[in-house]
C-alpha atoms as a PDB file:
ATOM      1  CA  UNK A   1      -1.902  48.089 -46.215  1.00  0.00           C
ATOM      2  CA  UNK A   2       1.178  46.767 -44.435  1.00  0.00           C
ATOM      3  CA  UNK A   3       3.647  49.579 -43.876  1.00  0.00           C
ATOM      4  CA  UNK A   4       5.136  48.928 -40.468  1.00  0.00           C
ATOM      5  CA  UNK A   5       8.522  47.194 -40.781  1.00  0.00           C
ATOM      6  CA  UNK A   6       7.869  44.282 -38.409  1.00  0.00           C
ATOM      7  CA  UNK A   7       4.514  43.430 -39.977  1.00  0.00           C
ATOM      8  CA  UNK A   8       5.965  43.839 -43.453  1.00  0.00           C
ATOM      9  CA  UNK A   9       8.834  41.498 -42.579  1.00  0.00           C
ATOM     10  CA  UNK A  10       6.417  38.871 -41.226  1.00  0.00           C
ATOM     11  CA  UNK A  11       4.244  39.043 -44.327  1.00  0.00           C
ATOM     12  CA  UNK A  12       6.827  39.455 -47.103  1.00  0.00           C
ATOM     13  CA  UNK A  13      10.172  38.423 -45.613  1.00  0.00           C
ATOM     14  CA  UNK A  14      13.255  40.454 -44.643  1.00  0.00           C
ATOM     15  CA  UNK A  15      14.394  40.899 -48.261  1.00  0.00           C
ATOM     16  CA  UNK A  16      11.369  43.133 -48.883  1.00  0.00           C
ATOM     17  CA  UNK A  17      12.575  45.727 -46.362  1.00  0.00           C
ATOM     18  CA  UNK A  18      14.934  48.588 -47.093  1.00  0.00           C
ATOM     19  CA  UNK A  19      18.024  49.086 -44.906  1.00  0.00           C
ATOM     20  CA  UNK A  20      16.152  51.837 -43.086  1.00  0.00           C
ATOM     21  CA  UNK A  21      13.144  49.562 -42.456  1.00  0.00           C
ATOM     22  CA  UNK A  22      15.370  46.729 -41.247  1.00  0.00           C
ATOM     23  CA  UNK A  23      16.896  49.033 -38.646  1.00  0.00           C
ATOM     24  CA  UNK A  24      13.426  50.216 -37.624  1.00  0.00           C
ATOM     25  CA  UNK A  25      12.416  46.594 -37.123  1.00  0.00           C
ATOM     26  CA  UNK A  26      15.526  45.909 -35.033  1.00  0.00           C
ATOM     27  CA  UNK A  27      15.153  49.043 -32.897  1.00  0.00           C
ATOM     28  CA  UNK A  28      11.437  48.473 -32.383  1.00  0.00           C
ATOM     29  CA  UNK A  29      10.278  51.724 -30.864  1.00  0.00           C
ATOM     30  CA  UNK A  30      11.451  55.152 -29.923  1.00  0.00           C
ATOM     31  CA  UNK A  31      11.401  56.877 -26.572  1.00  0.00           C
ATOM     32  CA  UNK A  32      11.124  60.311 -25.018  1.00  0.00           C
ATOM     33  CA  UNK A  33      14.467  61.301 -26.557  1.00  0.00           C
ATOM     34  CA  UNK A  34      13.750  60.396 -30.193  1.00  0.00           C
ATOM     35  CA  UNK A  35      11.226  58.488 -32.303  1.00  0.00           C
ATOM     36  CA  UNK A  36      12.155  55.199 -33.976  1.00  0.00           C
ATOM     37  CA  UNK A  37      12.463  56.766 -37.448  1.00  0.00           C
ATOM     38  CA  UNK A  38      14.995  59.331 -36.263  1.00  0.00           C
ATOM     39  CA  UNK A  39      17.003  56.715 -34.372  1.00  0.00           C
ATOM     40  CA  UNK A  40      16.999  54.376 -37.376  1.00  0.00           C
ATOM     41  CA  UNK A  41      17.994  57.171 -39.776  1.00  0.00           C
ATOM     42  CA  UNK A  42      20.944  58.238 -37.598  1.00  0.00           C
ATOM     43  CA  UNK A  43      21.998  54.627 -37.055  1.00  0.00           C
ATOM     44  CA  UNK A  44      21.928  53.916 -40.784  1.00  0.00           C
ATOM     45  CA  UNK A  45      23.999  57.007 -41.517  1.00  0.00           C
ATOM     46  CA  UNK A  46      26.603  55.894 -38.973  1.00  0.00           C
ATOM     47  CA  UNK A  47      26.561  52.314 -40.254  1.00  0.00           C
ATOM     48  CA  UNK A  48      27.162  53.510 -43.810  1.00  0.00           C
ATOM     49  CA  UNK A  49      30.077  55.603 -42.605  1.00  0.00           C
ATOM     50  CA  UNK A  50      31.748  53.139 -40.229  1.00  0.00           C
ATOM     51  CA  UNK A  51      30.827  49.779 -41.749  1.00  0.00           C
ATOM     52  CA  UNK A  52      32.333  46.773 -39.976  1.00  0.00           C
ATOM     53  CA  UNK A  53      34.402  49.063 -37.727  1.00  0.00           C
ATOM     54  CA  UNK A  54      31.232  50.305 -36.003  1.00  0.00           C
ATOM     55  CA  UNK A  55      31.837  50.261 -32.247  1.00  0.00           C
ATOM     56  CA  UNK A  56      29.856  50.604 -29.029  1.00  0.00           C
ATOM     57  CA  UNK A  57      31.126  54.150 -28.528  1.00  0.00           C
ATOM     58  CA  UNK A  58      29.902  55.116 -32.008  1.00  0.00           C
ATOM     59  CA  UNK A  59      26.333  54.054 -31.237  1.00  0.00           C
ATOM     60  CA  UNK A  60      26.429  55.864 -27.909  1.00  0.00           C
ATOM     61  CA  UNK A  61      26.458  59.097 -29.924  1.00  0.00           C
ATOM     62  CA  UNK A  62      22.961  58.432 -31.249  1.00  0.00           C
ATOM     63  CA  UNK A  63      20.238  60.100 -29.219  1.00  0.00           C
ATOM     64  CA  UNK A  64      17.608  57.600 -28.161  1.00  0.00           C
ATOM     65  CA  UNK A  65      19.786  54.472 -28.205  1.00  0.00           C
ATOM     66  CA  UNK A  66      20.269  53.001 -24.746  1.00  0.00           C
ATOM     67  CA  UNK A  67      22.794  50.448 -23.543  1.00  0.00           C
ATOM     68  CA  UNK A  68      20.468  47.463 -24.019  1.00  0.00           C
ATOM     69  CA  UNK A  69      19.562  48.345 -27.602  1.00  0.00           C
ATOM     70  CA  UNK A  70      23.176  49.149 -28.524  1.00  0.00           C
ATOM     71  CA  UNK A  71      24.165  45.713 -27.248  1.00  0.00           C
ATOM     72  CA  UNK A  72      21.420  44.038 -29.280  1.00  0.00           C
ATOM     73  CA  UNK A  73      22.388  45.868 -32.460  1.00  0.00           C
ATOM     74  CA  UNK A  74      26.093  45.129 -32.158  1.00  0.00           C
ATOM     75  CA  UNK A  75      25.398  41.462 -31.377  1.00  0.00           C
ATOM     76  CA  UNK A  76      23.189  41.200 -34.487  1.00  0.00           C
ATOM     77  CA  UNK A  77      25.801  42.919 -36.670  1.00  0.00           C
ATOM     78  CA  UNK A  78      28.568  40.657 -35.376  1.00  0.00           C
ATOM     79  CA  UNK A  79      26.584  37.447 -35.918  1.00  0.00           C
ATOM     80  CA  UNK A  80      25.788  38.580 -39.444  1.00  0.00           C
ATOM     81  CA  UNK A  81      29.439  39.389 -40.095  1.00  0.00           C
ATOM     82  CA  UNK A  82      30.625  36.036 -38.758  1.00  0.00           C
ATOM     83  CA  UNK A  83      28.137  33.684 -40.320  1.00  0.00           C
ATOM     84  CA  UNK A  84      26.657  35.444 -43.338  1.00  0.00           C
ATOM     85  CA  UNK A  85      28.634  38.357 -44.748  1.00  0.00           C
ATOM     86  CA  UNK A  86      32.091  36.862 -44.244  1.00  0.00           C
ATOM     87  CA  UNK A  87      31.320  33.167 -44.014  1.00  0.00           C
ATOM     88  CA  UNK A  88      33.956  32.489 -46.681  1.00  0.00           C
ATOM     89  CA  UNK A  89      36.729  33.467 -44.270  1.00  0.00           C
ATOM     90  CA  UNK A  90      38.565  30.362 -43.040  1.00  0.00           C
ATOM     91  CA  UNK A  91      38.165  29.216 -39.467  1.00  0.00           C
ATOM     92  CA  UNK A  92      41.583  28.732 -37.858  1.00  0.00           C
ATOM     93  CA  UNK A  93      40.668  26.131 -35.264  1.00  0.00           C
ATOM     94  CA  UNK A  94      44.100  24.606 -34.868  1.00  0.00           C
ATOM     95  CA  UNK A  95      47.782  25.043 -35.596  1.00  0.00           C
ATOM     96  CA  UNK A  96      47.611  22.936 -38.764  1.00  0.00           C
ATOM     97  CA  UNK A  97      45.012  25.285 -40.254  1.00  0.00           C
ATOM     98  CA  UNK A  98      47.245  28.267 -39.541  1.00  0.00           C
ATOM     99  CA  UNK A  99      50.242  26.541 -41.128  1.00  0.00           C
ATOM    100  CA  UNK A 100      48.249  26.139 -44.363  1.00  0.00           C
ATOM    101  CA  UNK A 101      48.345  29.928 -44.684  1.00  0.00           C
ATOM    102  CA  UNK A 102      52.134  30.123 -44.316  1.00  0.00           C
ATOM    103  CA  UNK A 103      53.269  28.399 -47.503  1.00  0.00           C
ATOM    104  CA  UNK A 104      54.515  31.695 -48.934  1.00  0.00           C
ATOM    105  CA  UNK A 105      57.208  32.138 -46.263  1.00  0.00           C
ATOM    106  CA  UNK A 106      58.537  28.577 -46.042  1.00  0.00           C
ATOM    107  CA  UNK A 107      61.217  29.097 -48.715  1.00  0.00           C
ATOM    108  CA  UNK A 108      62.178  32.673 -47.933  1.00  0.00           C
ATOM    109  CA  UNK A 109      65.901  33.331 -47.500  1.00  0.00           C
ATOM    110  CA  UNK A 110      65.245  35.899 -44.761  1.00  0.00           C
ATOM    111  CA  UNK A 111      63.095  35.536 -41.678  1.00  0.00           C
ATOM    112  CA  UNK A 112      59.551  36.799 -42.214  1.00  0.00           C
ATOM    113  CA  UNK A 113      57.376  37.473 -39.185  1.00  0.00           C
ATOM    114  CA  UNK A 114      53.683  37.115 -40.015  1.00  0.00           C
ATOM    115  CA  UNK A 115      50.638  37.862 -37.877  1.00  0.00           C
ATOM    116  CA  UNK A 116      47.180  36.314 -38.295  1.00  0.00           C
ATOM    117  CA  UNK A 117      44.343  38.185 -36.581  1.00  0.00           C
ATOM    118  CA  UNK A 118      41.220  36.229 -35.620  1.00  0.00           C
ATOM    119  CA  UNK A 119      37.742  37.143 -34.436  1.00  0.00           C
ATOM    120  CA  UNK A 120      35.859  35.550 -31.552  1.00  0.00           C
ATOM    121  CA  UNK A 121      34.785  32.635 -33.754  1.00  0.00           C
ATOM    122  CA  UNK A 122      38.422  32.026 -34.798  1.00  0.00           C
ATOM    123  CA  UNK A 123      37.719  33.252 -38.332  1.00  0.00           C
ATOM    124  CA  UNK A 124      40.663  34.860 -40.072  1.00  0.00           C
ATOM    125  CA  UNK A 125      40.400  38.641 -40.213  1.00  0.00           C
ATOM    126  CA  UNK A 126      43.734  39.402 -41.864  1.00  0.00           C
ATOM    127  CA  UNK A 127      47.218  38.073 -42.523  1.00  0.00           C
ATOM    128  CA  UNK A 128      50.058  40.591 -42.460  1.00  0.00           C
ATOM    129  CA  UNK A 129      53.844  40.587 -42.731  1.00  0.00           C
ATOM    130  CA  UNK A 130      55.141  42.432 -39.683  1.00  0.00           C
ATOM    131  CA  UNK A 131      58.893  42.383 -40.275  1.00  0.00           C
ATOM    132  CA  UNK A 132      61.584  40.962 -42.512  1.00  0.00           C
ATOM    133  CA  UNK A 133      65.011  40.129 -41.142  1.00  0.00           C
ATOM    134  CA  UNK A 134      66.515  38.493 -38.083  1.00  0.00           C
ATOM    135  CA  UNK A 135      63.920  38.030 -35.367  1.00  0.00           C
ATOM    136  CA  UNK A 136      64.982  39.764 -32.149  1.00  0.00           C
ATOM    137  CA  UNK A 137      63.047  41.377 -29.338  1.00  0.00           C
ATOM    138  CA  UNK A 138      64.713  44.691 -30.164  1.00  0.00           C
ATOM    139  CA  UNK A 139      63.460  44.605 -33.764  1.00  0.00           C
ATOM    140  CA  UNK A 140      59.999  43.113 -33.153  1.00  0.00           C
ATOM    141  CA  UNK A 141      58.106  45.555 -30.968  1.00  0.00           C
ATOM    142  CA  UNK A 142      54.634  44.548 -29.719  1.00  0.00           C
ATOM    143  CA  UNK A 143      53.133  47.714 -31.196  1.00  0.00           C
ATOM    144  CA  UNK A 144      54.075  46.480 -34.671  1.00  0.00           C
ATOM    145  CA  UNK A 145      52.184  43.260 -34.042  1.00  0.00           C
ATOM    146  CA  UNK A 146      49.174  44.604 -32.180  1.00  0.00           C
ATOM    147  CA  UNK A 147      48.490  47.968 -33.848  1.00  0.00           C
ATOM    148  CA  UNK A 148      46.555  46.343 -36.684  1.00  0.00           C
ATOM    149  CA  UNK A 149      45.104  43.689 -34.379  1.00  0.00           C
ATOM    150  CA  UNK A 150      43.539  46.462 -32.307  1.00  0.00           C
ATOM    151  CA  UNK A 151      42.158  48.103 -35.451  1.00  0.00           C
ATOM    152  CA  UNK A 152      40.770  44.712 -36.516  1.00  0.00           C
ATOM    153  CA  UNK A 153      39.114  44.335 -33.106  1.00  0.00           C
ATOM    154  CA  UNK A 154      40.733  40.911 -33.023  1.00  0.00           C
ATOM    155  CA  UNK A 155      40.024  38.505 -30.183  1.00  0.00           C
ATOM    156  CA  UNK A 156      43.268  36.603 -30.699  1.00  0.00           C
ATOM    157  CA  UNK A 157      46.401  36.494 -32.814  1.00  0.00           C
ATOM    158  CA  UNK A 158      48.780  33.873 -34.159  1.00  0.00           C
ATOM    159  CA  UNK A 159      52.323  34.862 -35.030  1.00  0.00           C
ATOM    160  CA  UNK A 160      54.655  32.833 -37.200  1.00  0.00           C
ATOM    161  CA  UNK A 161      58.073  33.094 -38.750  1.00  0.00           C
ATOM    162  CA  UNK A 162      60.285  30.980 -40.969  1.00  0.00           C
ATOM    163  CA  UNK A 163      63.724  29.568 -40.244  1.00  0.00           C
ATOM    164  CA  UNK A 164      65.768  29.671 -43.477  1.00  0.00           C
ATOM    165  CA  UNK A 165      68.363  27.456 -41.783  1.00  0.00           C
ATOM    166  CA  UNK A 166      65.867  24.601 -41.661  1.00  0.00           C
ATOM    167  CA  UNK A 167      66.028  24.110 -37.895  1.00  0.00           C
ATOM    168  CA  UNK A 168      62.766  23.806 -35.982  1.00  0.00           C
ATOM    169  CA  UNK A 169      64.348  24.623 -32.636  1.00  0.00           C
ATOM    170  CA  UNK A 170      63.251  27.933 -31.105  1.00  0.00           C
ATOM    171  CA  UNK A 171      66.135  30.294 -30.467  1.00  0.00           C
ATOM    172  CA  UNK A 172      66.610  32.336 -27.322  1.00  0.00           C
ATOM    173  CA  UNK A 173      65.355  35.370 -29.277  1.00  0.00           C
ATOM    174  CA  UNK A 174      62.260  33.433 -30.412  1.00  0.00           C
ATOM    175  CA  UNK A 175      61.403  32.640 -26.802  1.00  0.00           C
ATOM    176  CA  UNK A 176      62.025  36.209 -25.620  1.00  0.00           C
ATOM    177  CA  UNK A 177      59.828  37.643 -28.371  1.00  0.00           C
ATOM    178  CA  UNK A 178      57.070  35.148 -27.597  1.00  0.00           C
ATOM    179  CA  UNK A 179      57.047  36.022 -23.902  1.00  0.00           C
ATOM    180  CA  UNK A 180      56.957  39.727 -24.719  1.00  0.00           C
ATOM    181  CA  UNK A 181      54.071  39.289 -27.161  1.00  0.00           C
ATOM    182  CA  UNK A 182      52.156  37.087 -24.733  1.00  0.00           C
ATOM    183  CA  UNK A 183      52.353  39.717 -21.985  1.00  0.00           C
ATOM    184  CA  UNK A 184      51.282  42.459 -24.387  1.00  0.00           C
ATOM    185  CA  UNK A 185      48.333  40.415 -25.630  1.00  0.00           C
ATOM    186  CA  UNK A 186      47.125  39.860 -22.071  1.00  0.00           C
ATOM    187  CA  UNK A 187      47.311  43.579 -21.321  1.00  0.00           C
ATOM    188  CA  UNK A 188      45.232  44.305 -24.435  1.00  0.00           C
ATOM    189  CA  UNK A 189      42.597  41.705 -23.641  1.00  0.00           C
ATOM    190  CA  UNK A 190      43.641  39.431 -26.509  1.00  0.00           C
ATOM    191  CA  UNK A 191      45.123  35.947 -26.686  1.00  0.00           C
ATOM    192  CA  UNK A 192      48.349  34.916 -28.334  1.00  0.00           C
ATOM    193  CA  UNK A 193      47.309  31.447 -29.491  1.00  0.00           C
ATOM    194  CA  UNK A 194      50.530  30.249 -31.093  1.00  0.00           C
ATOM    195  CA  UNK A 195      53.974  31.284 -32.232  1.00  0.00           C
ATOM    196  CA  UNK A 196      54.760  28.972 -35.130  1.00  0.00           C
ATOM    197  CA  UNK A 197      58.155  28.274 -36.687  1.00  0.00           C
ATOM    198  CA  UNK A 198      58.035  26.963 -40.263  1.00  0.00           C
ATOM    199  CA  UNK A 199      60.706  25.486 -42.505  1.00  0.00           C
ATOM    200  CA  UNK A 200      60.502  24.079 -46.033  1.00  0.00           C
ATOM    201  CA  UNK A 201      59.195  20.740 -44.815  1.00  0.00           C
ATOM    202  CA  UNK A 202      57.799  21.065 -41.300  1.00  0.00           C
ATOM    203  CA  UNK A 203      56.746  23.310 -38.437  1.00  0.00           C
ATOM    204  CA  UNK A 204      57.060  23.571 -34.663  1.00  0.00           C
ATOM    205  CA  UNK A 205      55.764  25.767 -31.871  1.00  0.00           C
ATOM    206  CA  UNK A 206      57.572  28.128 -29.567  1.00  0.00           C
ATOM    207  CA  UNK A 207      56.354  26.918 -26.216  1.00  0.00           C
ATOM    208  CA  UNK A 208      54.181  29.436 -24.360  1.00  0.00           C
ATOM    209  CA  UNK A 209      54.078  28.999 -20.611  1.00  0.00           C
END
């Protein structure tokens, strides 16, 4: 009778395993601190609670999980999230792809500042409206842009806003805001990929030095 998770997986395929058995197969074996069943049970409980927001520090709380195994688990979860669970999320691999997501602000009569958060594979995590009104460095604070990006565990962000006037030229305020956001992104270990200006018919970039 095949009852050990790894042997069961080899004989019947991964779909035959329960969530608990899958984690047992991934963890492999226990240690002097805890047996594999206890580690898997506690990991599953935490995974059910935290979902995609599960972090390294969360797994450190589980007795019996060392640094190497935590790294392996998180890497497996992230690959699954990127290529299987959320494979329908668009990959934003260039400015043109980002602009496709901005059609809703092209005709707005006020300036809308939008932020796109991306993961390490440049897949879209979320699109959010950050502010509505005239874009100035005093009104657009980095915390408004990066608070959700941090929660998303984003690797990079793209910001964009519309110019109701129709001009594609970046204003002094646009440039100041871009520089401020770029510095903040660097401090947070993220990348500001683009700051896009859109009008009804076209788009341009605020140059980032």
